[in-house]
Amino acid sequence: MEIYLAQAVRELMVSQAMAIMISIPFVGICGVVLLHWWIDGEIHWSVAIGGFLFCLAMFAVALFWPDPTVLAPTLLSMIITVVFFPYAREKVAESEIRHISTRQLDQAHQAVVERPDNMTAWFAITSLLYEHGLKGPAIAVRERLLNGLSNDMDPIKNQSVRGMYAAEERMLKVWRRNLKGKKDPFAPLKCRSCGHINPCNEIACMKCKAPYLLEYARRARAKERMTTRLIIGWATLVGFLVATMAVMVQNDQLGWPMLFGGILVCGGVLTWVFRAPRMA
């Protein structure tokens, strides 16, 4: 009996030593990364603190619950978390690019406000609207612009005004060919300021004159929001893995329903994290 007890104590000490060796670097790395994201303004302070507390909770599970069936998934979750960081950074970088495109859209609109005949700025707006997912409005606005240009030949330049924008017209045809989806891409859109329904080929609301299409474009996810969603998705997946294993150790009959239910919950969370911004 004493031999078995001594062996159990040794196994417990080995498990706790493994937990400490892996958990301390994990908590340190996560803490530094979360602090860096907070200082850079990529996440809110509450998200940074919540993420760090979650790391400490996992460390406590690994340290004070040394059962191998719980310790193994906990340590595995820590390793997966560290591997997940580069992917998270890539997603944040993509979100930052969209954020920059939104600023470019505002600059192009300001150029149009200052000079309504600035066709270069107008076509830049349509390209940026397309990049933001407003494909129907981008096509409709570009068609309206092109149809408003003269087809009369300039004897000096030997081309019409519309002919000067042949590249933009070719791109318009490409956009039309690539249109997909069952919904009408050219459906009227409601101004978020006054509620007026506008044709999608108008950038400004016909009632309140607000640039309502730009407001739709600005709804693209910002950097801070994307980082927050990544952290929530990560915490849900990792927490579910550890909690499920812990429940299955105590009650196998309860663990399996929790496993299948948790898969559905995690699927919903991931769908929310990576969903595309909606137009309306």
C-alpha atoms as a PDB file:
ATOM      1  CA  MET A   1       0.000   0.000   0.000  1.00  0.00           C
ATOM      2  CA  GLU A   2       2.777   2.400   0.876  1.00  0.00           C
ATOM      3  CA  ILE A   3       4.504   1.595  -2.443  1.00  0.00           C
ATOM      4  CA  TYR A   4       1.386   2.489  -4.423  1.00  0.00           C
ATOM      5  CA  LEU A   5       0.946   5.654  -2.371  1.00  0.00           C
ATOM      6  CA  ALA A   6       4.559   6.681  -2.958  1.00  0.00           C
ATOM      7  CA  GLN A   7       4.196   6.004  -6.675  1.00  0.00           C
ATOM      8  CA  ALA A   8       1.016   8.089  -6.807  1.00  0.00           C
ATOM      9  CA  VAL A   9       2.784  10.941  -5.018  1.00  0.00           C
ATOM     10  CA  ARG A  10       5.688  10.780  -7.484  1.00  0.00           C
ATOM     11  CA  GLU A  11       3.296  10.838 -10.449  1.00  0.00           C
ATOM     12  CA  LEU A  12       1.528  13.816  -8.910  1.00  0.00           C
ATOM     13  CA  MET A  13       4.802  15.673  -8.428  1.00  0.00           C
ATOM     14  CA  VAL A  14       5.882  14.913 -12.009  1.00  0.00           C
ATOM     15  CA  SER A  15       2.529  16.140 -13.343  1.00  0.00           C
ATOM     16  CA  GLN A  16       2.742  19.346 -11.340  1.00  0.00           C
ATOM     17  CA  ALA A  17       6.339  19.901 -12.458  1.00  0.00           C
ATOM     18  CA  MET A  18       5.293  19.500 -16.105  1.00  0.00           C
ATOM     19  CA  ALA A  19       2.418  21.894 -15.542  1.00  0.00           C
ATOM     20  CA  ILE A  20       4.734  24.517 -14.048  1.00  0.00           C
ATOM     21  CA  MET A  21       7.386  24.105 -16.783  1.00  0.00           C
ATOM     22  CA  ILE A  22       4.846  24.623 -19.566  1.00  0.00           C
ATOM     23  CA  SER A  23       2.372  26.969 -17.885  1.00  0.00           C
ATOM     24  CA  ILE A  24       4.762  29.671 -16.671  1.00  0.00           C
ATOM     25  CA  PRO A  25       6.190  30.417 -20.176  1.00  0.00           C
ATOM     26  CA  PHE A  26       2.650  30.244 -21.559  1.00  0.00           C
ATOM     27  CA  VAL A  27       1.304  32.802 -19.077  1.00  0.00           C
ATOM     28  CA  GLY A  28       4.350  35.012 -19.640  1.00  0.00           C
ATOM     29  CA  ILE A  29       4.060  34.966 -23.447  1.00  0.00           C
ATOM     30  CA  CYS A  30       0.314  35.589 -23.390  1.00  0.00           C
ATOM     31  CA  GLY A  31       0.713  38.390 -20.861  1.00  0.00           C
ATOM     32  CA  VAL A  32       3.371  40.160 -22.929  1.00  0.00           C
ATOM     33  CA  VAL A  33       1.356  39.829 -26.155  1.00  0.00           C
ATOM     34  CA  LEU A  34      -1.861  41.065 -24.552  1.00  0.00           C
ATOM     35  CA  LEU A  35      -0.004  43.996 -22.990  1.00  0.00           C
ATOM     36  CA  HIS A  36       1.554  44.848 -26.371  1.00  0.00           C
ATOM     37  CA  TRP A  37      -1.836  44.764 -28.109  1.00  0.00           C
ATOM     38  CA  TRP A  38      -3.330  46.945 -25.371  1.00  0.00           C
ATOM     39  CA  ILE A  39      -0.550  49.562 -25.595  1.00  0.00           C
ATOM     40  CA  ASP A  40      -0.863  49.637 -29.396  1.00  0.00           C
ATOM     41  CA  GLY A  41      -4.590  50.258 -29.066  1.00  0.00           C
ATOM     42  CA  GLU A  42      -5.532  47.024 -30.822  1.00  0.00           C
ATOM     43  CA  ILE A  43      -7.688  45.798 -27.923  1.00  0.00           C
ATOM     44  CA  HIS A  44      -9.581  47.428 -25.072  1.00  0.00           C
ATOM     45  CA  TRP A  45      -8.033  47.272 -21.603  1.00  0.00           C
ATOM     46  CA  SER A  46     -10.896  45.102 -20.354  1.00  0.00           C
ATOM     47  CA  VAL A  47     -10.189  42.521 -23.063  1.00  0.00           C
ATOM     48  CA  ALA A  48      -6.488  42.470 -22.157  1.00  0.00           C
ATOM     49  CA  ILE A  49      -7.229  41.951 -18.462  1.00  0.00           C
ATOM     50  CA  GLY A  50      -9.873  39.334 -19.223  1.00  0.00           C
ATOM     51  CA  GLY A  51      -7.489  37.414 -21.480  1.00  0.00           C
ATOM     52  CA  PHE A  52      -4.737  37.468 -18.858  1.00  0.00           C
ATOM     53  CA  LEU A  53      -7.121  36.279 -16.127  1.00  0.00           C
ATOM     54  CA  PHE A  54      -8.181  33.461 -18.425  1.00  0.00           C
ATOM     55  CA  CYS A  55      -4.519  32.441 -18.821  1.00  0.00           C
ATOM     56  CA  LEU A  56      -4.129  32.427 -15.035  1.00  0.00           C
ATOM     57  CA  ALA A  57      -7.254  30.277 -14.711  1.00  0.00           C
ATOM     58  CA  MET A  58      -5.788  27.720 -17.114  1.00  0.00           C
ATOM     59  CA  PHE A  59      -2.548  27.796 -15.147  1.00  0.00           C
ATOM     60  CA  ALA A  60      -4.499  27.083 -11.955  1.00  0.00           C
ATOM     61  CA  VAL A  61      -6.305  24.156 -13.587  1.00  0.00           C
ATOM     62  CA  ALA A  62      -3.023  22.666 -14.761  1.00  0.00           C
ATOM     63  CA  LEU A  63      -1.385  23.162 -11.362  1.00  0.00           C
ATOM     64  CA  PHE A  64      -4.130  22.151  -8.930  1.00  0.00           C
ATOM     65  CA  TRP A  65      -5.924  19.520 -11.019  1.00  0.00           C
ATOM     66  CA  PRO A  66      -3.042  17.192 -11.881  1.00  0.00           C
ATOM     67  CA  ASP A  67      -5.202  14.371 -13.243  1.00  0.00           C
ATOM     68  CA  PRO A  68      -3.587  13.391 -16.587  1.00  0.00           C
ATOM     69  CA  THR A  69      -6.934  13.451 -18.413  1.00  0.00           C
ATOM     70  CA  VAL A  70      -7.314  17.118 -17.435  1.00  0.00           C
ATOM     71  CA  LEU A  71      -3.671  18.135 -17.439  1.00  0.00           C
ATOM     72  CA  ALA A  72      -3.027  16.852 -20.967  1.00  0.00           C
ATOM     73  CA  PRO A  73      -5.750  18.890 -22.756  1.00  0.00           C
ATOM     74  CA  THR A  74      -4.904  21.924 -20.624  1.00  0.00           C
ATOM     75  CA  LEU A  75      -1.241  21.855 -21.604  1.00  0.00           C
ATOM     76  CA  LEU A  76      -2.206  21.091 -25.206  1.00  0.00           C
ATOM     77  CA  SER A  77      -4.501  24.121 -25.171  1.00  0.00           C
ATOM     78  CA  MET A  78      -1.628  26.275 -23.977  1.00  0.00           C
ATOM     79  CA  ILE A  79       0.588  25.092 -26.832  1.00  0.00           C
ATOM     80  CA  ILE A  80      -2.215  25.615 -29.366  1.00  0.00           C
ATOM     81  CA  THR A  81      -2.720  29.128 -28.012  1.00  0.00           C
ATOM     82  CA  VAL A  82       0.917  30.061 -28.610  1.00  0.00           C
ATOM     83  CA  VAL A  83       0.709  28.637 -32.147  1.00  0.00           C
ATOM     84  CA  PHE A  84      -2.529  30.582 -32.674  1.00  0.00           C
ATOM     85  CA  PHE A  85      -0.889  33.973 -32.111  1.00  0.00           C
ATOM     86  CA  PRO A  86       0.686  34.321 -35.620  1.00  0.00           C
ATOM     87  CA  TYR A  87      -2.674  33.514 -37.209  1.00  0.00           C
ATOM     88  CA  ALA A  88      -4.362  36.093 -35.002  1.00  0.00           C
ATOM     89  CA  ARG A  89      -1.779  38.700 -35.988  1.00  0.00           C
ATOM     90  CA  GLU A  90      -2.425  37.959 -39.667  1.00  0.00           C
ATOM     91  CA  LYS A  91      -6.147  38.513 -39.195  1.00  0.00           C
ATOM     92  CA  VAL A  92      -5.513  41.761 -37.342  1.00  0.00           C
ATOM     93  CA  ALA A  93      -3.224  42.918 -40.173  1.00  0.00           C
ATOM     94  CA  GLU A  94      -5.951  42.178 -42.727  1.00  0.00           C
ATOM     95  CA  SER A  95      -8.387  44.181 -40.634  1.00  0.00           C
ATOM     96  CA  GLU A  96      -5.897  47.073 -40.514  1.00  0.00           C
ATOM     97  CA  ILE A  97      -5.704  47.046 -44.329  1.00  0.00           C
ATOM     98  CA  ARG A  98      -9.491  47.379 -44.481  1.00  0.00           C
ATOM     99  CA  HIS A  99      -9.250  50.227 -41.973  1.00  0.00           C
ATOM    100  CA  ILE A 100      -6.730  52.012 -44.226  1.00  0.00           C
ATOM    101  CA  SER A 101      -9.043  51.500 -47.228  1.00  0.00           C
ATOM    102  CA  THR A 102     -11.827  53.176 -45.277  1.00  0.00           C
ATOM    103  CA  ARG A 103      -9.616  56.231 -44.692  1.00  0.00           C
ATOM    104  CA  GLN A 104      -8.796  56.300 -48.421  1.00  0.00           C
ATOM    105  CA  LEU A 105     -12.519  56.217 -49.154  1.00  0.00           C
ATOM    106  CA  ASP A 106     -13.075  59.236 -46.916  1.00  0.00           C
ATOM    107  CA  GLN A 107     -10.219  61.085 -48.645  1.00  0.00           C
ATOM    108  CA  ALA A 108     -11.629  60.320 -52.103  1.00  0.00           C
ATOM    109  CA  HIS A 109     -15.064  61.525 -51.019  1.00  0.00           C
ATOM    110  CA  GLN A 110     -13.568  64.745 -49.666  1.00  0.00           C
ATOM    111  CA  ALA A 111     -11.884  65.285 -53.045  1.00  0.00           C
ATOM    112  CA  VAL A 112     -15.262  64.880 -54.765  1.00  0.00           C
ATOM    113  CA  VAL A 113     -16.886  67.333 -52.356  1.00  0.00           C
ATOM    114  CA  GLU A 114     -14.219  69.912 -53.171  1.00  0.00           C
ATOM    115  CA  ARG A 115     -14.348  69.214 -56.917  1.00  0.00           C
ATOM    116  CA  PRO A 116     -17.491  67.397 -58.093  1.00  0.00           C
ATOM    117  CA  ASP A 117     -15.978  66.994 -61.583  1.00  0.00           C
ATOM    118  CA  ASN A 118     -12.977  65.034 -60.253  1.00  0.00           C
ATOM    119  CA  MET A 119     -13.603  61.792 -62.159  1.00  0.00           C
ATOM    120  CA  THR A 120     -10.435  60.169 -60.832  1.00  0.00           C
ATOM    121  CA  ALA A 121     -11.749  60.537 -57.287  1.00  0.00           C
ATOM    122  CA  TRP A 122     -15.179  59.291 -58.341  1.00  0.00           C
ATOM    123  CA  PHE A 123     -13.767  56.110 -59.853  1.00  0.00           C
ATOM    124  CA  ALA A 124     -11.557  55.648 -56.785  1.00  0.00           C
ATOM    125  CA  ILE A 125     -14.703  55.755 -54.650  1.00  0.00           C
ATOM    126  CA  THR A 126     -16.343  53.028 -56.723  1.00  0.00           C
ATOM    127  CA  SER A 127     -13.237  50.824 -56.478  1.00  0.00           C
ATOM    128  CA  LEU A 128     -13.094  51.255 -52.701  1.00  0.00           C
ATOM    129  CA  LEU A 129     -16.814  50.585 -52.335  1.00  0.00           C
ATOM    130  CA  TYR A 130     -16.278  47.344 -54.237  1.00  0.00           C
ATOM    131  CA  GLU A 131     -13.388  46.396 -51.931  1.00  0.00           C
ATOM    132  CA  HIS A 132     -15.629  47.009 -48.916  1.00  0.00           C
ATOM    133  CA  GLY A 133     -18.175  44.504 -50.215  1.00  0.00           C
ATOM    134  CA  LEU A 134     -20.667  47.029 -51.652  1.00  0.00           C
ATOM    135  CA  LYS A 135     -20.416  45.427 -55.087  1.00  0.00           C
ATOM    136  CA  GLY A 136     -23.867  46.304 -56.379  1.00  0.00           C
ATOM    137  CA  PRO A 137     -23.643  49.996 -55.443  1.00  0.00           C
ATOM    138  CA  ALA A 138     -20.072  50.186 -56.795  1.00  0.00           C
ATOM    139  CA  ILE A 139     -21.218  48.845 -60.161  1.00  0.00           C
ATOM    140  CA  ALA A 140     -24.299  51.081 -60.236  1.00  0.00           C
ATOM    141  CA  VAL A 141     -22.350  54.249 -59.383  1.00  0.00           C
ATOM    142  CA  ARG A 142     -19.629  53.479 -61.938  1.00  0.00           C
ATOM    143  CA  GLU A 143     -22.230  52.822 -64.643  1.00  0.00           C
ATOM    144  CA  ARG A 144     -23.907  56.136 -63.864  1.00  0.00           C
ATOM    145  CA  LEU A 145     -20.574  57.934 -64.095  1.00  0.00           C
ATOM    146  CA  LEU A 146     -19.654  56.328 -67.411  1.00  0.00           C
ATOM    147  CA  ASN A 147     -23.099  56.937 -68.917  1.00  0.00           C
ATOM    148  CA  GLY A 148     -22.748  60.601 -68.009  1.00  0.00           C
ATOM    149  CA  LEU A 149     -19.551  60.982 -70.043  1.00  0.00           C
ATOM    150  CA  SER A 150     -19.654  62.220 -73.611  1.00  0.00           C
ATOM    151  CA  ASN A 151     -19.040  59.836 -76.517  1.00  0.00           C
ATOM    152  CA  ASP A 152     -18.250  62.697 -78.905  1.00  0.00           C
ATOM    153  CA  MET A 153     -14.790  62.406 -80.406  1.00  0.00           C
ATOM    154  CA  ASP A 154     -12.266  65.111 -79.574  1.00  0.00           C
ATOM    155  CA  PRO A 155     -10.523  65.949 -82.882  1.00  0.00           C
ATOM    156  CA  ILE A 156      -7.313  66.896 -81.085  1.00  0.00           C
ATOM    157  CA  LYS A 157      -7.057  63.894 -78.737  1.00  0.00           C
ATOM    158  CA  ASN A 158      -8.785  61.608 -81.242  1.00  0.00           C
ATOM    159  CA  GLN A 159     -10.902  60.014 -78.529  1.00  0.00           C
ATOM    160  CA  SER A 160     -14.028  60.736 -76.550  1.00  0.00           C
ATOM    161  CA  VAL A 161     -14.168  61.668 -72.892  1.00  0.00           C
ATOM    162  CA  ARG A 162     -15.647  58.246 -72.146  1.00  0.00           C
ATOM    163  CA  GLY A 163     -12.853  56.605 -74.096  1.00  0.00           C
ATOM    164  CA  MET A 164     -10.345  58.119 -71.671  1.00  0.00           C
ATOM    165  CA  TYR A 165     -11.757  55.800 -69.004  1.00  0.00           C
ATOM    166  CA  ALA A 166     -11.656  52.577 -71.009  1.00  0.00           C
ATOM    167  CA  ALA A 167      -9.795  50.765 -68.221  1.00  0.00           C
ATOM    168  CA  GLU A 168     -12.524  51.663 -65.721  1.00  0.00           C
ATOM    169  CA  GLU A 169     -15.165  50.406 -68.161  1.00  0.00           C
ATOM    170  CA  ARG A 170     -13.331  47.101 -68.639  1.00  0.00           C
ATOM    171  CA  MET A 171     -13.140  46.659 -64.880  1.00  0.00           C
ATOM    172  CA  LEU A 172     -16.865  47.350 -64.666  1.00  0.00           C
ATOM    173  CA  LYS A 173     -17.519  44.422 -67.014  1.00  0.00           C
ATOM    174  CA  VAL A 174     -15.337  42.183 -64.839  1.00  0.00           C
ATOM    175  CA  TRP A 175     -17.293  43.215 -61.743  1.00  0.00           C
ATOM    176  CA  ARG A 176     -20.580  42.384 -63.447  1.00  0.00           C
ATOM    177  CA  ARG A 177     -19.345  38.950 -64.513  1.00  0.00           C
ATOM    178  CA  ASN A 178     -18.237  38.170 -60.965  1.00  0.00           C
ATOM    179  CA  LEU A 179     -21.542  39.086 -59.328  1.00  0.00           C
ATOM    180  CA  LYS A 180     -22.849  36.190 -57.252  1.00  0.00           C
ATOM    181  CA  GLY A 181     -25.584  35.608 -54.729  1.00  0.00           C
ATOM    182  CA  LYS A 182     -29.344  35.261 -54.730  1.00  0.00           C
ATOM    183  CA  LYS A 183     -30.052  38.713 -53.295  1.00  0.00           C
ATOM    184  CA  ASP A 184     -30.542  41.634 -55.640  1.00  0.00           C
ATOM    185  CA  PRO A 185     -27.183  43.474 -55.551  1.00  0.00           C
ATOM    186  CA  PHE A 186     -28.832  46.639 -56.865  1.00  0.00           C
ATOM    187  CA  ALA A 187     -31.628  46.816 -54.289  1.00  0.00           C
ATOM    188  CA  PRO A 188     -32.347  50.290 -52.847  1.00  0.00           C
ATOM    189  CA  LEU A 189     -30.610  51.060 -49.557  1.00  0.00           C
ATOM    190  CA  LYS A 190     -31.877  52.904 -46.512  1.00  0.00           C
ATOM    191  CA  CYS A 191     -29.999  55.943 -45.266  1.00  0.00           C
ATOM    192  CA  ARG A 192     -28.861  55.242 -41.720  1.00  0.00           C
ATOM    193  CA  SER A 193     -29.223  58.930 -40.815  1.00  0.00           C
ATOM    194  CA  CYS A 194     -32.775  59.745 -41.893  1.00  0.00           C
ATOM    195  CA  GLY A 195     -34.224  56.393 -42.995  1.00  0.00           C
ATOM    196  CA  HIS A 196     -34.884  57.477 -46.585  1.00  0.00           C
ATOM    197  CA  ILE A 197     -34.719  54.720 -49.228  1.00  0.00           C
ATOM    198  CA  ASN A 198     -32.234  55.612 -51.970  1.00  0.00           C
ATOM    199  CA  PRO A 199     -31.252  54.039 -55.285  1.00  0.00           C
ATOM    200  CA  CYS A 200     -27.900  52.328 -54.893  1.00  0.00           C
ATOM    201  CA  ASN A 201     -26.284  54.413 -57.652  1.00  0.00           C
ATOM    202  CA  GLU A 202     -26.351  57.521 -55.459  1.00  0.00           C
ATOM    203  CA  ILE A 203     -23.596  58.070 -52.893  1.00  0.00           C
ATOM    204  CA  ALA A 204     -25.421  60.874 -51.046  1.00  0.00           C
ATOM    205  CA  CYS A 205     -28.886  60.474 -49.564  1.00  0.00           C
ATOM    206  CA  MET A 206     -31.479  62.194 -51.753  1.00  0.00           C
ATOM    207  CA  LYS A 207     -33.233  63.549 -48.649  1.00  0.00           C
ATOM    208  CA  CYS A 208     -30.632  64.545 -46.036  1.00  0.00           C
ATOM    209  CA  LYS A 209     -27.606  64.652 -48.432  1.00  0.00           C
ATOM    210  CA  ALA A 210     -25.496  62.533 -46.064  1.00  0.00           C
ATOM    211  CA  PRO A 211     -22.953  60.220 -47.782  1.00  0.00           C
ATOM    212  CA  TYR A 212     -24.943  57.161 -46.758  1.00  0.00           C
ATOM    213  CA  LEU A 213     -22.994  54.661 -48.909  1.00  0.00           C
ATOM    214  CA  LEU A 214     -19.827  55.619 -47.070  1.00  0.00           C
ATOM    215  CA  GLU A 215     -21.577  54.863 -43.783  1.00  0.00           C
ATOM    216  CA  TYR A 216     -22.243  51.327 -45.008  1.00  0.00           C
ATOM    217  CA  ALA A 217     -18.586  50.988 -45.976  1.00  0.00           C
ATOM    218  CA  ARG A 218     -17.435  52.195 -42.559  1.00  0.00           C
ATOM    219  CA  ARG A 219     -19.242  49.277 -40.967  1.00  0.00           C
ATOM    220  CA  ALA A 220     -16.360  47.053 -42.062  1.00  0.00           C
ATOM    221  CA  ARG A 221     -14.761  45.608 -38.937  1.00  0.00           C
ATOM    222  CA  ALA A 222     -12.142  47.817 -37.326  1.00  0.00           C
ATOM    223  CA  LYS A 223      -8.828  46.536 -35.976  1.00  0.00           C
ATOM    224  CA  GLU A 224      -9.863  46.681 -32.315  1.00  0.00           C
ATOM    225  CA  ARG A 225     -13.106  44.835 -32.995  1.00  0.00           C
ATOM    226  CA  MET A 226     -11.375  42.053 -34.953  1.00  0.00           C
ATOM    227  CA  THR A 227      -8.780  41.505 -32.215  1.00  0.00           C
ATOM    228  CA  THR A 228     -11.504  41.314 -29.593  1.00  0.00           C
ATOM    229  CA  ARG A 229     -13.374  38.698 -31.620  1.00  0.00           C
ATOM    230  CA  LEU A 230     -10.240  36.626 -32.081  1.00  0.00           C
ATOM    231  CA  ILE A 231      -9.635  36.598 -28.328  1.00  0.00           C
ATOM    232  CA  ILE A 232     -13.251  35.648 -27.625  1.00  0.00           C
ATOM    233  CA  GLY A 233     -13.090  32.834 -30.189  1.00  0.00           C
ATOM    234  CA  TRP A 234      -9.805  31.568 -28.750  1.00  0.00           C
ATOM    235  CA  ALA A 235     -11.088  31.643 -25.161  1.00  0.00           C
ATOM    236  CA  THR A 236     -14.277  29.808 -26.126  1.00  0.00           C
ATOM    237  CA  LEU A 237     -12.503  27.002 -27.958  1.00  0.00           C
ATOM    238  CA  VAL A 238      -9.753  26.459 -25.406  1.00  0.00           C
ATOM    239  CA  GLY A 239     -12.077  26.788 -22.430  1.00  0.00           C
ATOM    240  CA  PHE A 240     -14.510  24.324 -23.973  1.00  0.00           C
ATOM    241  CA  LEU A 241     -11.756  21.738 -24.497  1.00  0.00           C
ATOM    242  CA  VAL A 242     -10.592  21.902 -20.882  1.00  0.00           C
ATOM    243  CA  ALA A 243     -14.093  22.028 -19.373  1.00  0.00           C
ATOM    244  CA  THR A 244     -15.329  19.079 -21.432  1.00  0.00           C
ATOM    245  CA  MET A 245     -12.426  16.871 -20.412  1.00  0.00           C
ATOM    246  CA  ALA A 246     -12.904  17.826 -16.767  1.00  0.00           C
ATOM    247  CA  VAL A 247     -16.614  16.953 -16.867  1.00  0.00           C
ATOM    248  CA  MET A 248     -15.984  13.656 -18.669  1.00  0.00           C
ATOM    249  CA  VAL A 249     -13.572  12.616 -15.920  1.00  0.00           C
ATOM    250  CA  GLN A 250     -16.261  13.155 -13.286  1.00  0.00           C
ATOM    251  CA  ASN A 251     -19.314  12.007 -15.249  1.00  0.00           C
ATOM    252  CA  ASP A 252     -18.947  10.222 -18.567  1.00  0.00           C
ATOM    253  CA  GLN A 253     -22.685  10.322 -19.319  1.00  0.00           C
ATOM    254  CA  LEU A 254     -22.785  14.098 -18.875  1.00  0.00           C
ATOM    255  CA  GLY A 255     -19.513  14.668 -20.724  1.00  0.00           C
ATOM    256  CA  TRP A 256     -20.599  13.341 -24.116  1.00  0.00           C
ATOM    257  CA  PRO A 257     -23.755  15.523 -24.419  1.00  0.00           C
ATOM    258  CA  MET A 258     -21.621  18.465 -23.336  1.00  0.00           C
ATOM    259  CA  LEU A 259     -19.104  17.580 -26.044  1.00  0.00           C
ATOM    260  CA  PHE A 260     -21.664  17.590 -28.864  1.00  0.00           C
ATOM    261  CA  GLY A 261     -23.451  20.667 -27.532  1.00  0.00           C
ATOM    262  CA  GLY A 262     -20.161  22.486 -27.145  1.00  0.00           C
ATOM    263  CA  ILE A 263     -19.211  21.714 -30.739  1.00  0.00           C
ATOM    264  CA  LEU A 264     -22.362  23.516 -31.892  1.00  0.00           C
ATOM    265  CA  VAL A 265     -21.619  26.466 -29.602  1.00  0.00           C
ATOM    266  CA  CYS A 266     -18.014  26.710 -30.804  1.00  0.00           C
ATOM    267  CA  GLY A 267     -19.194  26.505 -34.416  1.00  0.00           C
ATOM    268  CA  GLY A 268     -21.538  29.414 -33.778  1.00  0.00           C
ATOM    269  CA  VAL A 269     -18.774  31.438 -32.123  1.00  0.00           C
ATOM    270  CA  LEU A 270     -16.371  30.842 -35.025  1.00  0.00           C
ATOM    271  CA  THR A 271     -19.095  31.784 -37.521  1.00  0.00           C
ATOM    272  CA  TRP A 272     -19.604  35.048 -35.609  1.00  0.00           C
ATOM    273  CA  VAL A 273     -15.861  35.750 -35.394  1.00  0.00           C
ATOM    274  CA  PHE A 274     -15.185  35.327 -39.102  1.00  0.00           C
ATOM    275  CA  ARG A 275     -18.495  36.482 -40.543  1.00  0.00           C
ATOM    276  CA  ALA A 276     -18.426  39.045 -43.333  1.00  0.00           C
ATOM    277  CA  PRO A 277     -19.717  42.564 -42.564  1.00  0.00           C
ATOM    278  CA  ARG A 278     -23.344  43.042 -43.580  1.00  0.00           C
ATOM    279  CA  MET A 279     -24.532  45.858 -45.799  1.00  0.00           C
ATOM    280  CA  ALA A 280     -27.735  46.431 -43.874  1.00  0.00           C
END
